[in-house]
N, C-alpha and C. Protein backbone atom coordinates (compact mmCIF):
# COMPACT_ATOMS: atom_id res chain seq x y z
N MET A 1 11.98 96.43 -17.67
CA MET A 1 12.97 95.33 -18.10
C MET A 1 12.85 94.44 -17.50
N ALA A 2 12.06 93.87 -16.70
CA ALA A 2 11.91 92.57 -15.69
C ALA A 2 11.29 91.70 -16.59
N ASP A 3 10.18 92.21 -17.35
CA ASP A 3 9.28 91.78 -18.57
C ASP A 3 10.04 91.21 -19.70
N ARG A 4 10.87 91.92 -20.14
CA ARG A 4 11.67 91.65 -21.30
C ARG A 4 12.45 90.22 -21.33
N PRO A 5 12.87 89.65 -20.43
CA PRO A 5 13.27 87.85 -20.65
C PRO A 5 11.91 87.26 -20.57
N HIS A 6 11.24 87.44 -19.83
CA HIS A 6 9.84 86.70 -19.74
C HIS A 6 9.18 86.56 -21.42
N SER A 7 9.26 87.81 -22.02
CA SER A 7 8.30 87.75 -23.39
C SER A 7 9.51 87.24 -24.33
N LEU A 8 10.41 87.33 -24.10
CA LEU A 8 11.61 86.63 -25.06
C LEU A 8 11.58 85.34 -25.09
N ARG A 9 11.28 84.92 -23.71
CA ARG A 9 11.28 83.21 -23.58
C ARG A 9 10.12 82.79 -24.12
N GLU A 10 8.85 83.70 -23.81
CA GLU A 10 7.27 83.14 -24.62
C GLU A 10 7.70 83.25 -25.97
N ARG A 11 8.32 84.31 -26.60
CA ARG A 11 8.18 84.37 -27.89
C ARG A 11 9.13 83.04 -28.46
N MET A 12 9.91 82.82 -28.01
CA MET A 12 11.03 81.60 -28.49
C MET A 12 9.95 80.11 -28.22
N ARG A 13 9.27 79.94 -26.93
CA ARG A 13 8.58 78.91 -26.82
C ARG A 13 7.26 78.94 -28.01
N GLN A 14 7.14 80.06 -28.10
CA GLN A 14 5.84 80.07 -29.39
C GLN A 14 6.15 79.58 -30.67
N ALA A 15 7.27 80.09 -30.73
CA ALA A 15 8.23 79.93 -32.15
C ALA A 15 8.63 78.27 -32.31
N ALA A 16 9.04 78.01 -31.21
CA ALA A 16 9.31 76.25 -31.30
C ALA A 16 8.03 75.42 -31.65
N ILE A 17 6.90 75.90 -30.86
CA ILE A 17 5.51 75.19 -31.11
C ILE A 17 5.13 75.46 -32.36
N ARG A 18 5.31 76.71 -33.11
CA ARG A 18 5.05 76.75 -34.59
C ARG A 18 5.51 75.82 -35.14
N LEU A 19 7.17 75.88 -35.09
CA LEU A 19 7.79 75.02 -35.94
C LEU A 19 7.62 73.46 -36.06
N ASP A 20 7.57 73.17 -34.61
CA ASP A 20 6.77 71.93 -34.31
C ASP A 20 5.85 71.30 -34.86
N LEU A 21 4.44 72.39 -34.96
CA LEU A 21 3.41 72.11 -35.98
C LEU A 21 3.71 72.01 -37.02
N ARG A 22 4.44 73.01 -37.81
CA ARG A 22 4.86 72.92 -39.09
C ARG A 22 5.56 71.77 -39.54
N MET A 23 6.50 71.21 -38.95
CA MET A 23 7.21 69.94 -39.02
C MET A 23 6.14 68.88 -38.96
N ARG A 24 5.36 68.57 -38.11
CA ARG A 24 4.06 67.53 -37.97
C ARG A 24 3.41 67.66 -39.43
N ALA A 25 3.16 68.59 -39.79
CA ALA A 25 2.24 69.17 -40.91
C ALA A 25 2.97 68.46 -42.39
N LEU A 26 4.31 68.86 -42.45
CA LEU A 26 4.95 68.56 -43.64
C LEU A 26 5.14 67.08 -43.72
N ALA A 27 5.29 66.49 -42.42
CA ALA A 27 5.57 65.00 -42.42
C ALA A 27 4.34 64.04 -42.62
N GLU A 28 3.13 64.74 -42.60
CA GLU A 28 1.84 64.16 -42.77
C GLU A 28 1.57 64.23 -44.26
N THR A 29 1.92 65.29 -45.04
CA THR A 29 1.62 65.51 -46.48
C THR A 29 2.45 64.55 -47.41
N PRO A 30 1.94 64.33 -48.47
CA PRO A 30 2.72 63.50 -49.17
C PRO A 30 3.59 64.42 -49.97
N GLU A 31 4.85 63.97 -50.38
CA GLU A 31 5.57 64.87 -51.39
C GLU A 31 5.10 64.71 -52.84
N ARG A 32 4.47 65.52 -53.41
CA ARG A 32 4.18 65.45 -54.74
C ARG A 32 5.17 65.67 -55.49
N GLY A 33 5.56 65.20 -56.49
CA GLY A 33 6.50 65.73 -57.63
C GLY A 33 7.93 65.21 -57.27
N ALA A 34 7.99 64.67 -55.95
CA ALA A 34 9.48 64.29 -55.51
C ALA A 34 9.56 62.90 -56.56
N ALA A 35 8.49 61.98 -56.61
CA ALA A 35 8.80 60.51 -57.42
C ALA A 35 9.25 61.32 -58.95
N THR A 36 8.76 61.92 -59.33
CA THR A 36 9.14 62.49 -60.80
C THR A 36 10.53 62.81 -60.95
N ALA A 37 10.94 63.72 -59.92
CA ALA A 37 12.25 64.14 -59.88
C ALA A 37 13.35 62.96 -59.72
N GLU A 38 13.02 62.30 -58.78
CA GLU A 38 13.79 60.94 -58.43
C GLU A 38 13.83 60.17 -59.85
N TYR A 39 12.76 60.02 -60.76
CA TYR A 39 12.77 59.37 -61.64
C TYR A 39 13.80 59.91 -62.77
N ALA A 40 13.83 61.29 -62.89
CA ALA A 40 14.46 61.95 -63.76
C ALA A 40 16.00 62.07 -63.42
N VAL A 41 16.39 61.94 -62.25
CA VAL A 41 17.75 61.54 -61.87
C VAL A 41 18.11 60.11 -61.98
N VAL A 42 17.46 59.17 -61.99
CA VAL A 42 17.72 57.90 -62.26
C VAL A 42 17.88 57.80 -63.46
N LEU A 43 17.00 58.40 -64.55
CA LEU A 43 17.25 58.36 -65.97
C LEU A 43 18.62 59.27 -66.30
N VAL A 44 19.01 60.13 -66.00
CA VAL A 44 20.17 60.56 -66.25
C VAL A 44 21.28 59.97 -65.98
N ALA A 45 21.40 59.29 -64.56
CA ALA A 45 22.23 58.44 -64.13
C ALA A 45 22.71 57.21 -65.20
N ALA A 46 21.23 56.43 -65.53
CA ALA A 46 21.17 55.26 -66.48
C ALA A 46 21.83 55.57 -67.76
N THR A 47 21.59 56.96 -68.28
CA THR A 47 22.01 57.27 -69.93
C THR A 47 23.52 57.53 -69.59
N GLY A 48 24.06 57.95 -68.45
CA GLY A 48 25.44 58.13 -68.22
C GLY A 48 26.21 57.04 -68.08
N PHE A 49 25.54 55.96 -67.28
CA PHE A 49 26.20 54.84 -67.20
C PHE A 49 25.94 53.88 -68.73
N ALA A 50 25.20 54.02 -69.23
CA ALA A 50 24.91 53.69 -70.78
C ALA A 50 26.31 53.93 -71.76
N ALA A 51 26.19 55.20 -71.60
CA ALA A 51 27.35 56.11 -72.55
C ALA A 51 28.55 55.60 -71.97
N VAL A 52 29.03 55.32 -70.72
CA VAL A 52 30.34 54.82 -70.36
C VAL A 52 30.54 53.37 -70.74
N LEU A 53 29.55 52.70 -70.52
CA LEU A 53 29.41 51.25 -71.23
C LEU A 53 29.87 51.06 -72.85
N VAL A 54 28.91 51.92 -73.56
CA VAL A 54 29.27 51.62 -75.14
C VAL A 54 30.27 52.27 -75.42
N SER A 55 31.14 53.07 -74.81
CA SER A 55 32.34 53.67 -74.97
C SER A 55 33.37 52.51 -74.72
N LEU A 56 33.51 51.75 -73.61
CA LEU A 56 34.03 50.85 -73.18
C LEU A 56 34.10 49.66 -74.16
N LEU A 57 32.73 49.32 -74.42
CA LEU A 57 32.70 48.16 -75.45
C LEU A 57 33.28 48.29 -76.72
N LYS A 58 33.39 49.77 -77.22
CA LYS A 58 33.80 50.02 -78.42
C LYS A 58 35.20 49.94 -78.54
N SER A 59 35.88 50.14 -77.31
CA SER A 59 37.29 50.08 -77.59
C SER A 59 37.80 48.86 -78.11
N ASP A 60 39.05 48.73 -78.70
CA ASP A 60 39.63 47.76 -79.12
C ASP A 60 40.27 46.65 -77.83
N THR A 61 40.58 47.45 -76.94
CA THR A 61 41.10 46.39 -75.97
C THR A 61 39.77 45.65 -75.28
N VAL A 62 39.01 45.97 -75.01
CA VAL A 62 37.68 45.23 -74.73
C VAL A 62 37.05 44.41 -75.45
N ARG A 63 37.04 45.04 -76.43
CA ARG A 63 36.48 44.00 -77.87
C ARG A 63 37.58 42.72 -78.07
N THR A 64 38.83 43.00 -77.81
CA THR A 64 39.69 42.00 -78.00
C THR A 64 39.74 40.81 -76.89
N LEU A 65 39.41 41.51 -75.81
CA LEU A 65 39.33 40.40 -74.72
C LEU A 65 38.27 39.60 -74.57
N LEU A 66 36.74 40.29 -74.90
CA LEU A 66 35.77 39.57 -74.92
C LEU A 66 35.86 38.43 -76.32
N THR A 67 36.28 38.95 -77.18
CA THR A 67 36.61 37.86 -78.15
C THR A 67 37.13 36.93 -77.88
N ASN A 68 38.29 36.95 -77.34
CA ASN A 68 39.11 35.73 -76.65
C ASN A 68 38.27 34.95 -75.85
N ILE A 69 37.69 35.68 -74.67
CA ILE A 69 36.86 35.04 -73.86
C ILE A 69 35.83 33.88 -74.74
N VAL A 70 35.13 34.71 -75.66
CA VAL A 70 34.14 33.68 -76.25
C VAL A 70 34.83 32.57 -77.18
N GLN A 71 35.89 33.07 -77.74
CA GLN A 71 36.98 31.92 -78.47
C GLN A 71 37.13 30.86 -77.69
N ASN A 72 37.49 31.02 -76.68
CA ASN A 72 38.35 30.04 -75.40
C ASN A 72 36.98 29.35 -74.93
N ALA A 73 35.85 29.90 -74.81
CA ALA A 73 34.68 28.90 -74.23
C ALA A 73 34.16 28.48 -75.40
N LEU A 74 34.09 28.59 -76.57
CA LEU A 74 33.80 27.51 -77.61
C LEU A 74 34.82 26.55 -77.87
N GLN A 75 36.16 26.78 -77.69
CA GLN A 75 37.07 25.62 -78.03
C GLN A 75 36.88 24.55 -76.85
N VAL A 76 36.75 25.05 -75.51
CA VAL A 76 36.60 23.83 -74.62
C VAL A 76 35.58 22.53 -75.01
N GLY A 77 34.29 22.96 -75.40
CA GLY A 77 33.68 21.97 -75.72
C GLY A 77 34.22 21.22 -77.08
């Protein structure tokens, strides 16, 4: 029984070493495919943002507001 804590401690130490080696190996390898996934997320977000802008610009309130701004800017000169 006296060997059991020692062996458990040794197994934990070896597991920590393996984890450290694995983390170092992962940090050194490039993340292939990550850029493609990031581009896909950006495209989805941009498409959603564009849809919101189009719906806002088609509304009568925003259209009237923009028309008034342009008319006021043209009347100043």
